[in-house]
Amino acid sequence: MTLISLILFAVVWLLFFAATTRYSVQMFQQNSYRTERYNRWLRSTREWLSRSNLVAVLAALCSAVVCHWAVLLIFGCWMLIIAIAEFSIDYKLRLVYTMRVKRLIATRLILTLLVVAAVAIFAPRYVVVAAMLMTLDYWTIVANMLNRPLERAITRWYYRDAERILRSMPNLKIIGITGSFGKTSTKHFLYRILSERYNVLMTPGNFNTTLGVVRTVREHLKPHHEVFIVEMGAKQRGDISEICDLVKPTMGIITSVGEMHLETFGSVESVARTKFELIDALPEDGFGVVNIDSEAARNHLKTLSRSVATYGVESADADFRAVNICYSPQETRFDIAHGECVERGYATHILGRGNILNITAALAIADRLGISAEASRRAVRQIEQIEHRLSMRRSAGITILDDAYNSNPTGALMALEVLRDFATDGARYVVTPGFVEMGARQYANNRAFGEAIAHSGADGVYVVNAVNREAITEGLADGGYDKERISVVASFSEAMSELQPRLRVGDVVLYENDLPDSFK
């Protein structure tokens, strides 16, 4: 074996290592840096049998038997092809190079160099074997375990700093928002309405974890803020109470309780108990608002010893209720019934019954904080669409209903209502991968969704990804949908390349949910 061949192999190996490490860390990030979720993803997607892992293991085995330049050439070419292909992929959710990610990559690189150097010194015959095995996905888990004490220390310091900032603002009004769906839209609507009177900060984007809230407090919360709206996400028991322990909300909204993240929660009852950790955390004089159109939320209310305000669209006994809803192509008009009072004249350009429900929750809090009906009406009329949450845009005469961030059965049915009732002479299309992270209920929910699509008036359906393909197509068949109008595709880009030539002026396309790259 020549020195040149070893050098060339080392260069190719570095490219291969960089490509596989980036992808592994990217998927680890998409699985919330949680080892158990990352392991579950490796098993469920059979990613441990990926091309890169198979090449690494085969190269290690062959090199252990015959360490010859010809072997290195064969596997070097294979690794180069994989590396180039990986770097050329345009992922929907790219790796975000946070300080934690940089530390994780650095630890994995240092660990790899130490192992390879040790083998080179004590068993040089097997240095290629060691180098190839160090590219396997599982070394990301090892690197994360090594970093855990440091990450915990850094997190504690950030957490205490956020606590200090919050303690320095005793008059700050803190409002928590949680739910299986609808919390981000409700957050934005509430922000717009309260801004009529207060200086308001809300957690940006999807900063709905404890660390996301800590980062928001440290980087964005200023002494002039009067209201802090905190979106609270949860994937397991205790997640909501952990955020509440930090921010200590005095008001809270529960937008829904549904079959989300059942893989970790186990049951809808467990989801309800977790969401209601927000209500449990409120002080005695706090103000909680709960959506009782959500059956699971209504049922859980019966177990509470404290009183809360309720809201809804369909529930006649709700304390705050949207009534007299009238849809038109230009706007949606509605009134708000509160006790014996009916506040009339609300109008919004936002689509869908679900968003009217979310606006109603925001109006309940606004009423509590002294926002006048006139100011609320003005704010509701000026609410802007939230991207990917049943937002509408038009291009070349084609209407796009973008509900790509929605991932729950209830919201999807509301989006299908909008598609069905949309005033158009053109064709209607649905592009969807269905719902995920629903445990044992996932197949049944996606099959029911397929049947609902069949009854929505859709002229064509594109079932994206393989994860729910069988369930959705069976549901479409249950609804008597013509299989000639069903297309199964591997990605959204493939769906659009097939759909684009078919689109005509007046057509309407509903994007219902999108999945991160960790789902195949």
Protein backbone atom coordinates (compact mmCIF):
# COMPACT_ATOMS: atom_id res chain seq x y z
CA MET A 1 0.00 0.00 0.00
CA THR A 2 1.50 3.34 -1.05
CA LEU A 3 1.64 6.55 0.93
CA ILE A 4 -0.27 8.34 -1.84
CA SER A 5 -3.13 5.87 -1.69
CA LEU A 6 -3.33 6.33 2.09
CA ILE A 7 -3.37 10.13 1.75
CA LEU A 8 -6.07 10.05 -0.91
CA PHE A 9 -8.13 7.65 1.19
CA ALA A 10 -7.72 9.93 4.22
CA VAL A 11 -9.01 12.94 2.25
CA VAL A 12 -12.05 11.01 1.02
CA TRP A 13 -12.63 9.64 4.52
CA LEU A 14 -12.65 13.19 5.93
CA LEU A 15 -15.34 14.20 3.42
CA PHE A 16 -17.32 11.06 4.24
CA PHE A 17 -16.93 11.67 7.99
CA ALA A 18 -18.05 15.31 7.60
CA ALA A 19 -21.12 14.32 5.55
CA THR A 20 -22.26 11.48 7.81
CA THR A 21 -21.60 13.44 11.00
CA ARG A 22 -23.57 16.44 9.77
CA TYR A 23 -26.53 14.25 8.84
CA SER A 24 -26.40 12.33 12.12
CA VAL A 25 -26.26 15.51 14.22
CA GLN A 26 -29.02 17.06 12.10
CA MET A 27 -31.34 14.13 12.85
CA PHE A 28 -30.31 14.22 16.50
CA GLN A 29 -31.32 17.89 16.58
CA GLN A 30 -34.66 17.11 14.91
CA ASN A 31 -35.24 14.54 17.65
CA SER A 32 -34.82 17.26 20.31
CA TYR A 33 -31.33 16.05 21.36
CA ARG A 34 -33.03 13.13 23.14
CA THR A 35 -31.21 9.83 22.93
CA GLU A 36 -34.36 7.71 23.34
CA ARG A 37 -36.13 9.54 20.49
CA TYR A 38 -33.05 9.34 18.27
CA ASN A 39 -32.74 5.59 18.93
CA ARG A 40 -36.43 5.14 18.17
CA TRP A 41 -35.93 7.04 14.92
CA LEU A 42 -32.94 4.86 13.97
CA ARG A 43 -35.03 1.74 14.53
CA SER A 44 -38.28 2.93 12.95
CA THR A 45 -36.63 4.24 9.78
CA ARG A 46 -34.05 1.42 9.68
CA GLU A 47 -31.50 4.20 9.33
CA TRP A 48 -28.90 1.98 10.98
CA LEU A 49 -28.99 0.05 7.67
CA SER A 50 -28.33 3.19 5.63
CA ARG A 51 -25.84 3.20 2.76
CA SER A 52 -23.28 5.11 4.79
CA ASN A 53 -23.43 2.71 7.74
CA LEU A 54 -23.29 -0.35 5.48
CA VAL A 55 -20.29 1.06 3.59
CA ALA A 56 -18.53 1.83 6.88
CA VAL A 57 -19.06 -1.67 8.26
CA LEU A 58 -18.14 -3.42 4.98
CA ALA A 59 -15.02 -1.28 4.57
CA ALA A 60 -14.00 -2.05 8.15
CA LEU A 61 -14.51 -5.81 7.67
CA CYS A 62 -12.68 -5.93 4.33
CA SER A 63 -9.81 -3.81 5.64
CA ALA A 64 -9.46 -6.08 8.65
CA VAL A 65 -8.93 -9.04 6.30
CA VAL A 66 -7.11 -7.44 3.36
CA CYS A 67 -5.69 -3.93 3.83
CA HIS A 68 -4.74 -3.36 0.17
CA TRP A 69 -4.79 -0.25 -1.99
CA ALA A 70 -7.40 -1.83 -4.29
CA VAL A 71 -9.78 -2.28 -1.33
CA LEU A 72 -9.23 1.34 -0.32
CA LEU A 73 -9.89 2.48 -3.90
CA ILE A 74 -13.20 0.62 -4.13
CA PHE A 75 -14.54 1.88 -0.81
CA GLY A 76 -13.02 5.33 -1.32
CA CYS A 77 -15.04 5.76 -4.53
CA TRP A 78 -18.16 4.55 -2.77
CA MET A 79 -17.64 6.96 0.14
CA LEU A 80 -16.98 9.88 -2.20
CA ILE A 81 -20.25 9.25 -4.05
CA ILE A 82 -22.19 9.12 -0.78
CA ALA A 83 -20.53 12.28 0.56
CA ILE A 84 -21.21 14.26 -2.63
CA ALA A 85 -24.85 13.06 -2.64
CA GLU A 86 -25.30 14.03 1.01
CA PHE A 87 -23.86 17.53 0.58
CA SER A 88 -26.09 18.12 -2.46
CA ILE A 89 -29.37 17.41 -0.62
CA ASP A 90 -31.46 20.50 0.17
CA TYR A 91 -33.13 19.54 3.46
CA LYS A 92 -36.40 21.13 4.55
CA LEU A 93 -35.04 21.56 8.07
CA ARG A 94 -31.36 22.30 7.83
CA LEU A 95 -28.96 21.76 10.68
CA VAL A 96 -28.89 24.85 12.90
CA TYR A 97 -25.34 25.41 14.11
CA THR A 98 -26.11 26.38 17.69
CA MET A 99 -23.34 26.40 20.27
CA ARG A 100 -24.60 23.03 21.48
CA VAL A 101 -24.34 21.57 17.98
CA LYS A 102 -20.83 22.99 17.56
CA ARG A 103 -19.78 21.41 20.87
CA LEU A 104 -21.35 18.09 19.86
CA ILE A 105 -19.56 18.03 16.49
CA ALA A 106 -16.27 19.06 18.12
CA THR A 107 -16.56 16.30 20.73
CA ARG A 108 -17.32 13.69 18.10
CA LEU A 109 -14.35 14.83 15.99
CA ILE A 110 -11.96 14.83 18.95
CA LEU A 111 -13.22 11.41 20.06
CA THR A 112 -12.71 10.04 16.55
CA LEU A 113 -9.18 11.45 16.25
CA LEU A 114 -8.21 10.05 19.66
CA VAL A 115 -9.48 6.56 18.83
CA VAL A 116 -7.85 6.53 15.38
CA ALA A 117 -4.57 7.88 16.80
CA ALA A 118 -4.56 5.25 19.57
CA VAL A 119 -5.14 2.45 17.05
CA ALA A 120 -2.48 3.89 14.74
CA ILE A 121 0.04 3.74 17.59
CA PHE A 122 -0.82 0.39 19.16
CA ALA A 123 -2.36 -1.55 16.24
CA PRO A 124 -1.54 0.26 12.96
CA ARG A 125 -2.78 -2.73 10.95
CA TYR A 126 -6.35 -1.80 11.94
CA VAL A 127 -6.27 1.99 11.61
CA VAL A 128 -8.60 1.93 8.57
CA VAL A 129 -10.99 -0.34 10.48
CA ALA A 130 -11.11 2.15 13.36
CA ALA A 131 -11.54 5.14 11.04
CA MET A 132 -14.51 3.54 9.26
CA LEU A 133 -16.28 2.37 12.42
CA MET A 134 -16.00 5.89 13.89
CA THR A 135 -18.33 7.21 11.13
CA LEU A 136 -21.31 5.20 12.42
CA ASP A 137 -24.38 7.14 13.65
CA TYR A 138 -24.15 5.86 17.22
CA TRP A 139 -21.02 7.89 17.95
CA THR A 140 -23.26 10.98 18.04
CA ILE A 141 -24.98 9.43 21.04
CA VAL A 142 -21.63 8.73 22.69
CA ALA A 143 -20.48 12.32 22.06
CA ASN A 144 -23.73 13.62 23.55
CA MET A 145 -23.22 11.46 26.66
CA LEU A 146 -19.70 12.85 27.09
CA ASN A 147 -21.03 16.40 26.76
CA ARG A 148 -23.94 15.90 29.15
CA PRO A 149 -22.28 17.25 32.33
CA LEU A 150 -21.11 20.36 30.49
CA GLU A 151 -24.49 20.88 28.82
CA ARG A 152 -26.27 20.56 32.16
CA ALA A 153 -23.94 23.10 33.77
CA ILE A 154 -24.46 25.56 30.90
CA THR A 155 -28.23 25.03 31.01
CA ARG A 156 -28.32 25.66 34.79
CA TRP A 157 -26.40 28.91 34.36
CA TYR A 158 -28.73 30.13 31.57
CA TYR A 159 -31.80 29.05 33.59
CA ARG A 160 -30.70 30.96 36.70
CA ASP A 161 -29.93 34.03 34.62
CA ALA A 162 -33.45 33.89 33.13
CA GLU A 163 -34.88 33.54 36.67
CA ARG A 164 -32.93 36.63 37.73
CA ILE A 165 -34.31 38.67 34.83
CA LEU A 166 -37.89 37.58 35.57
CA ARG A 167 -37.51 38.39 39.29
CA SER A 168 -36.40 41.90 38.35
CA MET A 169 -39.80 42.48 36.65
CA PRO A 170 -42.42 41.74 39.36
CA ASN A 171 -45.19 43.63 37.52
CA LEU A 172 -44.79 41.67 34.29
CA LYS A 173 -48.02 39.93 33.23
CA ILE A 174 -47.15 36.42 32.06
CA ILE A 175 -49.60 34.40 29.96
CA GLY A 176 -48.98 30.74 29.13
CA ILE A 177 -50.49 29.07 26.07
CA THR A 178 -50.46 25.34 25.50
CA GLY A 179 -52.48 22.73 23.65
CA SER A 180 -52.20 19.86 21.20
CA PHE A 181 -52.80 22.32 18.38
CA GLY A 182 -53.70 25.98 17.88
CA LYS A 183 -51.24 27.40 20.39
CA THR A 184 -48.98 29.22 17.92
CA SER A 185 -51.88 30.88 16.09
CA THR A 186 -53.50 31.84 19.40
CA LYS A 187 -50.20 33.33 20.55
CA HIS A 188 -49.97 35.54 17.48
CA PHE A 189 -53.61 36.62 17.70
CA LEU A 190 -53.30 37.45 21.39
CA TYR A 191 -50.10 39.40 20.76
CA ARG A 192 -51.82 41.56 18.14
CA ILE A 193 -54.88 42.28 20.30
CA LEU A 194 -52.99 43.05 23.53
CA SER A 195 -50.61 45.31 21.61
CA GLU A 196 -53.50 47.77 21.35
CA ARG A 197 -52.80 48.69 24.98
CA TYR A 198 -49.63 46.98 26.24
CA ASN A 199 -46.00 46.57 25.28
CA VAL A 200 -45.98 42.84 24.57
CA LEU A 201 -43.31 40.18 24.01
CA MET A 202 -44.08 36.67 22.79
CA THR A 203 -41.81 33.68 22.43
CA PRO A 204 -40.66 33.68 18.77
CA GLY A 205 -41.12 30.88 16.25
CA ASN A 206 -41.24 27.46 17.88
CA PHE A 207 -39.36 28.49 21.02
CA ASN A 208 -41.82 26.52 23.14
CA THR A 209 -39.44 24.39 25.22
CA THR A 210 -37.86 25.34 28.52
CA LEU A 211 -34.58 26.21 26.80
CA GLY A 212 -36.45 28.16 24.13
CA VAL A 213 -38.20 30.22 26.81
CA VAL A 214 -34.90 30.72 28.68
CA ARG A 215 -33.32 32.00 25.48
CA THR A 216 -36.26 34.35 24.83
CA VAL A 217 -36.03 35.81 28.34
CA ARG A 218 -32.27 36.34 28.17
CA GLU A 219 -32.16 37.73 24.63
CA HIS A 220 -35.47 39.55 24.15
CA LEU A 221 -37.22 40.42 27.42
CA LYS A 222 -36.63 44.09 28.32
CA PRO A 223 -37.70 46.26 31.27
CA HIS A 224 -40.25 48.13 29.13
CA HIS A 225 -42.26 44.98 28.39
CA GLU A 226 -45.58 44.76 30.25
CA VAL A 227 -46.89 41.40 28.98
CA PHE A 228 -44.99 38.21 28.17
CA ILE A 229 -46.84 35.56 26.15
CA VAL A 230 -45.20 32.14 26.52
CA GLU A 231 -46.01 29.29 24.14
CA MET A 232 -45.52 25.99 25.98
CA GLY A 233 -44.93 22.76 24.08
CA ALA A 234 -44.83 19.26 25.57
CA LYS A 235 -43.73 15.83 24.40
CA GLN A 236 -43.83 14.13 27.79
CA ARG A 237 -45.22 14.58 31.30
CA GLY A 238 -43.74 17.44 33.27
CA ASP A 239 -42.69 19.57 30.27
CA ILE A 240 -45.37 22.22 30.92
CA SER A 241 -44.83 22.38 34.67
CA GLU A 242 -41.08 22.80 34.05
CA ILE A 243 -41.73 25.93 31.97
CA CYS A 244 -44.29 27.17 34.51
CA ASP A 245 -41.75 26.77 37.34
CA LEU A 246 -39.54 29.21 35.45
CA VAL A 247 -41.98 31.89 34.26
CA LYS A 248 -44.76 31.53 36.89
CA PRO A 249 -47.71 32.53 34.68
CA THR A 250 -50.76 34.30 36.13
CA MET A 251 -52.96 33.54 33.10
CA GLY A 252 -53.16 30.54 30.82
CA ILE A 253 -54.93 29.22 27.73
CA ILE A 254 -55.42 25.56 26.84
CA THR A 255 -56.28 25.53 23.16
CA SER A 256 -56.99 21.80 22.79
CA VAL A 257 -56.29 18.28 23.98
CA GLY A 258 -55.79 15.71 21.23
CA GLU A 259 -53.99 12.61 20.07
CA MET A 260 -50.57 14.20 19.69
CA HIS A 261 -47.25 12.60 20.71
CA LEU A 262 -49.04 9.47 21.93
CA GLU A 263 -45.77 7.57 21.46
CA THR A 264 -44.45 9.32 24.56
CA PHE A 265 -47.69 10.20 26.38
CA GLY A 266 -49.39 6.84 25.96
CA SER A 267 -52.98 8.10 26.17
CA VAL A 268 -55.14 11.16 25.61
CA GLU A 269 -55.76 11.29 29.36
CA SER A 270 -52.01 11.66 29.91
CA VAL A 271 -51.93 14.44 27.29
CA ALA A 272 -54.75 16.22 29.15
CA ARG A 273 -52.99 15.96 32.52
CA THR A 274 -49.84 17.40 30.95
CA LYS A 275 -51.61 20.32 29.26
CA PHE A 276 -53.52 21.12 32.44
CA GLU A 277 -50.23 21.47 34.31
CA LEU A 278 -50.55 25.07 33.11
CA ILE A 279 -53.86 25.55 34.95
CA ASP A 280 -52.45 23.81 38.04
CA ALA A 281 -49.54 26.27 38.08
CA LEU A 282 -51.73 29.40 38.12
CA PRO A 283 -52.06 31.28 41.42
CA GLU A 284 -55.37 31.34 43.32
CA ASP A 285 -56.32 34.63 41.67
CA GLY A 286 -55.05 33.50 38.26
CA PHE A 287 -57.18 33.30 35.13
CA GLY A 288 -57.39 30.12 33.08
CA VAL A 289 -59.16 29.77 29.73
CA VAL A 290 -60.00 26.35 28.26
CA ASN A 291 -61.43 25.31 24.88
CA ILE A 292 -64.42 23.07 25.63
CA ASP A 293 -65.05 22.32 21.96
CA SER A 294 -62.16 19.92 22.62
CA GLU A 295 -63.95 16.94 24.16
CA ALA A 296 -60.91 15.68 26.06
CA ALA A 297 -60.32 19.15 27.55
CA ARG A 298 -63.99 19.39 28.57
CA ASN A 299 -63.84 15.98 30.22
CA HIS A 300 -60.67 16.86 32.14
CA LEU A 301 -62.28 20.05 33.44
CA LYS A 302 -64.62 17.87 35.50
CA THR A 303 -61.66 16.70 37.56
CA LEU A 304 -60.55 20.22 38.52
CA SER A 305 -61.40 21.76 41.86
CA ARG A 306 -60.83 25.31 40.61
CA SER A 307 -62.95 27.29 38.20
CA VAL A 308 -61.77 28.48 34.80
CA ALA A 309 -63.31 30.42 31.92
CA THR A 310 -64.29 28.41 28.85
CA TYR A 311 -64.55 29.22 25.19
CA GLY A 312 -65.75 27.61 22.00
CA VAL A 313 -67.57 27.86 18.71
CA GLU A 314 -69.85 24.84 18.96
CA SER A 315 -70.35 24.70 22.75
CA ALA A 316 -73.47 26.62 23.78
CA ASP A 317 -72.37 26.61 27.45
CA ALA A 318 -68.97 28.28 26.82
CA ASP A 319 -68.30 31.52 28.70
CA PHE A 320 -66.90 33.08 25.52
CA ARG A 321 -68.44 31.88 22.26
CA ALA A 322 -68.10 32.91 18.62
CA VAL A 323 -71.60 33.17 17.16
CA ASN A 324 -73.29 34.33 13.95
CA ILE A 325 -70.25 33.26 11.91
CA CYS A 326 -70.56 34.31 8.27
CA TYR A 327 -67.98 33.32 5.65
CA SER A 328 -67.32 35.19 2.41
CA PRO A 329 -64.44 35.15 -0.10
CA GLN A 330 -63.20 38.45 1.34
CA GLU A 331 -63.52 37.93 5.11
CA THR A 332 -65.15 36.07 7.97
CA ARG A 333 -67.57 38.00 10.19
CA PHE A 334 -68.67 36.90 13.65
CA ASP A 335 -69.90 38.09 17.04
CA ILE A 336 -68.69 37.17 20.53
CA ALA A 337 -71.22 36.08 23.14
CA HIS A 338 -70.10 36.53 26.74
CA GLY A 339 -72.72 35.90 29.38
CA GLU A 340 -75.76 38.00 28.50
CA CYS A 341 -73.67 40.32 26.34
CA VAL A 342 -73.06 39.94 22.61
CA GLU A 343 -70.24 42.03 21.13
CA ARG A 344 -70.96 42.45 17.44
CA GLY A 345 -69.03 43.37 14.36
CA TYR A 346 -65.83 41.29 14.43
CA ALA A 347 -64.25 40.56 11.07
CA THR A 348 -61.02 38.87 9.96
CA HIS A 349 -59.26 37.79 6.79
CA ILE A 350 -58.01 34.65 8.55
CA LEU A 351 -59.42 31.38 7.18
CA GLY A 352 -61.20 28.55 8.95
CA ARG A 353 -63.35 27.75 11.95
CA GLY A 354 -60.25 26.74 13.91
CA ASN A 355 -58.81 30.24 13.67
CA ILE A 356 -62.09 31.81 14.79
CA LEU A 357 -61.79 29.53 17.82
CA ASN A 358 -58.25 30.74 18.45
CA ILE A 359 -59.28 34.39 18.14
CA THR A 360 -62.04 33.75 20.68
CA ALA A 361 -59.46 32.49 23.21
CA ALA A 362 -57.38 35.62 22.66
CA LEU A 363 -60.46 37.82 23.14
CA ALA A 364 -61.19 36.14 26.48
CA ILE A 365 -57.76 37.14 27.80
CA ALA A 366 -58.08 40.61 26.24
CA ASP A 367 -61.37 41.11 28.08
CA ARG A 368 -59.69 40.15 31.34
CA LEU A 369 -56.87 42.64 30.73
CA GLY A 370 -59.21 45.51 29.99
CA ILE A 371 -58.92 45.76 26.21
CA SER A 372 -62.05 47.51 24.95
CA ALA A 373 -64.36 45.84 22.43
CA GLU A 374 -63.62 48.62 19.97
CA ALA A 375 -59.86 48.09 20.24
CA SER A 376 -60.31 44.30 19.98
CA ARG A 377 -62.42 44.64 16.82
CA ARG A 378 -59.79 46.89 15.28
CA ALA A 379 -56.99 44.48 16.14
CA VAL A 380 -58.87 41.39 14.89
CA ARG A 381 -59.51 43.05 11.55
CA GLN A 382 -55.79 43.79 11.20
CA ILE A 383 -54.54 40.30 12.13
CA GLU A 384 -52.17 39.00 9.48
CA GLN A 385 -52.05 35.44 8.20
CA ILE A 386 -49.53 33.17 9.88
CA GLU A 387 -47.38 31.34 7.38
CA HIS A 388 -48.10 27.60 6.99
CA ARG A 389 -51.09 27.70 9.37
CA LEU A 390 -54.00 27.63 6.93
CA SER A 391 -52.67 30.75 5.25
CA MET A 392 -53.81 31.61 1.74
CA ARG A 393 -51.78 32.92 -1.16
CA ARG A 394 -52.46 33.26 -4.86
CA SER A 395 -50.04 32.85 -7.74
CA ALA A 396 -50.90 33.01 -11.45
CA GLY A 397 -54.56 32.42 -10.66
CA ILE A 398 -53.86 29.39 -8.46
CA THR A 399 -54.91 29.50 -4.78
CA ILE A 400 -52.68 27.78 -2.23
CA LEU A 401 -54.14 26.90 1.18
CA ASP A 402 -50.97 26.35 3.18
CA ASP A 403 -51.60 24.31 6.33
CA ALA A 404 -48.16 22.69 6.29
CA TYR A 405 -47.53 23.17 10.05
CA ASN A 406 -50.77 21.48 11.05
CA SER A 407 -50.38 17.89 12.20
CA ASN A 408 -53.57 16.88 13.98
CA PRO A 409 -56.86 15.30 12.87
CA THR A 410 -59.15 18.05 14.18
CA GLY A 411 -57.28 20.87 12.47
CA ALA A 412 -57.01 18.84 9.26
CA LEU A 413 -60.78 18.35 9.15
CA MET A 414 -61.24 22.12 9.56
CA ALA A 415 -58.83 22.70 6.66
CA LEU A 416 -60.82 20.25 4.52
CA GLU A 417 -63.95 22.26 5.36
CA VAL A 418 -62.26 25.37 4.00
CA LEU A 419 -61.25 23.49 0.83
CA ARG A 420 -64.75 22.08 0.36
CA ASP A 421 -66.48 25.45 0.84
CA PHE A 422 -63.95 27.50 -1.13
CA ALA A 423 -65.73 29.44 -3.87
CA THR A 424 -64.10 28.38 -7.14
CA ASP A 425 -64.95 26.90 -10.51
CA GLY A 426 -61.56 25.19 -10.67
CA ALA A 427 -60.31 21.85 -9.38
CA ARG A 428 -59.37 21.11 -5.76
CA TYR A 429 -56.24 19.16 -4.77
CA VAL A 430 -54.88 17.84 -1.46
CA VAL A 431 -51.16 17.23 -0.86
CA THR A 432 -50.45 15.50 2.45
CA PRO A 433 -48.25 12.99 4.32
CA GLY A 434 -50.83 12.57 7.11
CA PHE A 435 -50.10 12.64 10.85
CA VAL A 436 -47.25 11.16 12.88
CA GLU A 437 -46.26 10.50 16.51
CA MET A 438 -49.71 9.13 17.38
CA GLY A 439 -48.65 5.74 18.67
CA ALA A 440 -51.24 3.00 18.28
CA ARG A 441 -53.80 5.52 16.98
CA GLN A 442 -51.72 6.67 14.02
CA TYR A 443 -53.00 4.16 11.48
CA ALA A 444 -56.66 4.61 12.41
CA ASN A 445 -56.43 8.41 12.41
CA ASN A 446 -54.76 8.52 9.00
CA ARG A 447 -57.27 6.07 7.58
CA ALA A 448 -60.11 8.26 8.86
CA PHE A 449 -58.34 11.27 7.37
CA GLY A 450 -58.20 9.55 4.00
CA GLU A 451 -61.93 8.89 4.15
CA ALA A 452 -62.54 12.55 5.06
CA ILE A 453 -60.51 13.64 2.02
CA ALA A 454 -62.69 11.41 -0.15
CA HIS A 455 -65.75 13.37 1.03
CA SER A 456 -64.12 16.82 0.75
CA GLY A 457 -64.70 17.34 -2.96
CA ALA A 458 -61.00 16.99 -3.80
CA ASP A 459 -60.37 16.30 -7.49
CA GLY A 460 -56.92 14.87 -6.86
CA VAL A 461 -54.89 13.63 -3.88
CA TYR A 462 -51.12 13.38 -3.51
CA VAL A 463 -50.05 11.10 -0.65
CA VAL A 464 -46.52 12.15 0.31
CA ASN A 465 -43.92 9.91 2.00
CA ALA A 466 -44.32 6.23 2.84
CA VAL A 467 -45.02 6.55 6.56
CA ASN A 468 -48.85 6.80 6.26
CA ARG A 469 -49.33 5.82 2.63
CA GLU A 470 -51.21 2.59 3.25
CA ALA A 471 -53.54 4.07 5.88
CA ILE A 472 -54.49 7.14 3.83
CA THR A 473 -55.05 5.21 0.58
CA GLU A 474 -57.21 2.67 2.41
CA GLY A 475 -59.24 5.52 3.88
CA LEU A 476 -59.69 7.02 0.43
CA ALA A 477 -60.90 3.64 -0.80
CA ASP A 478 -63.30 3.40 2.17
CA GLY A 479 -64.77 6.74 1.04
CA GLY A 480 -65.25 5.45 -2.50
CA TYR A 481 -62.54 7.69 -3.96
CA ASP A 482 -61.41 6.94 -7.51
CA LYS A 483 -57.94 5.41 -7.25
CA GLU A 484 -57.05 6.93 -10.62
CA ARG A 485 -57.07 10.33 -8.91
CA ILE A 486 -54.61 9.23 -6.19
CA SER A 487 -50.87 9.76 -6.63
CA VAL A 488 -48.30 8.37 -4.20
CA VAL A 489 -45.02 10.27 -4.15
CA ALA A 490 -41.84 10.29 -2.09
CA SER A 491 -41.67 14.02 -1.34
CA PHE A 492 -43.44 17.37 -1.62
CA SER A 493 -41.11 18.38 -4.45
CA GLU A 494 -42.09 15.27 -6.40
CA ALA A 495 -45.77 16.00 -5.74
CA MET A 496 -45.41 19.54 -7.07
CA SER A 497 -43.48 18.46 -10.15
CA GLU A 498 -46.39 16.13 -11.00
CA LEU A 499 -49.14 18.56 -10.01
CA GLN A 500 -47.75 21.73 -11.61
CA PRO A 501 -48.55 20.78 -15.24
CA ARG A 502 -52.14 19.95 -14.24
CA LEU A 503 -52.92 23.26 -12.54
CA ARG A 504 -55.21 25.76 -14.25
CA VAL A 505 -56.47 29.22 -13.32
CA GLY A 506 -59.02 28.88 -10.52
CA ASP A 507 -57.59 25.67 -9.04
CA VAL A 508 -57.11 25.35 -5.27
CA VAL A 509 -54.34 23.30 -3.60
CA LEU A 510 -54.37 22.38 0.10
CA TYR A 511 -51.00 21.54 1.68
CA GLU A 512 -52.01 19.59 4.76
CA ASN A 513 -49.02 19.00 7.05
CA ASP A 514 -45.40 18.52 6.14
CA LEU A 515 -42.88 16.24 7.81
CA PRO A 516 -39.26 16.91 8.72
CA ASP A 517 -36.49 15.04 6.94
CA SER A 518 -36.35 12.44 9.73
CA PHE A 519 -39.55 10.88 8.29
CA LYS A 520 -39.26 8.86 5.11
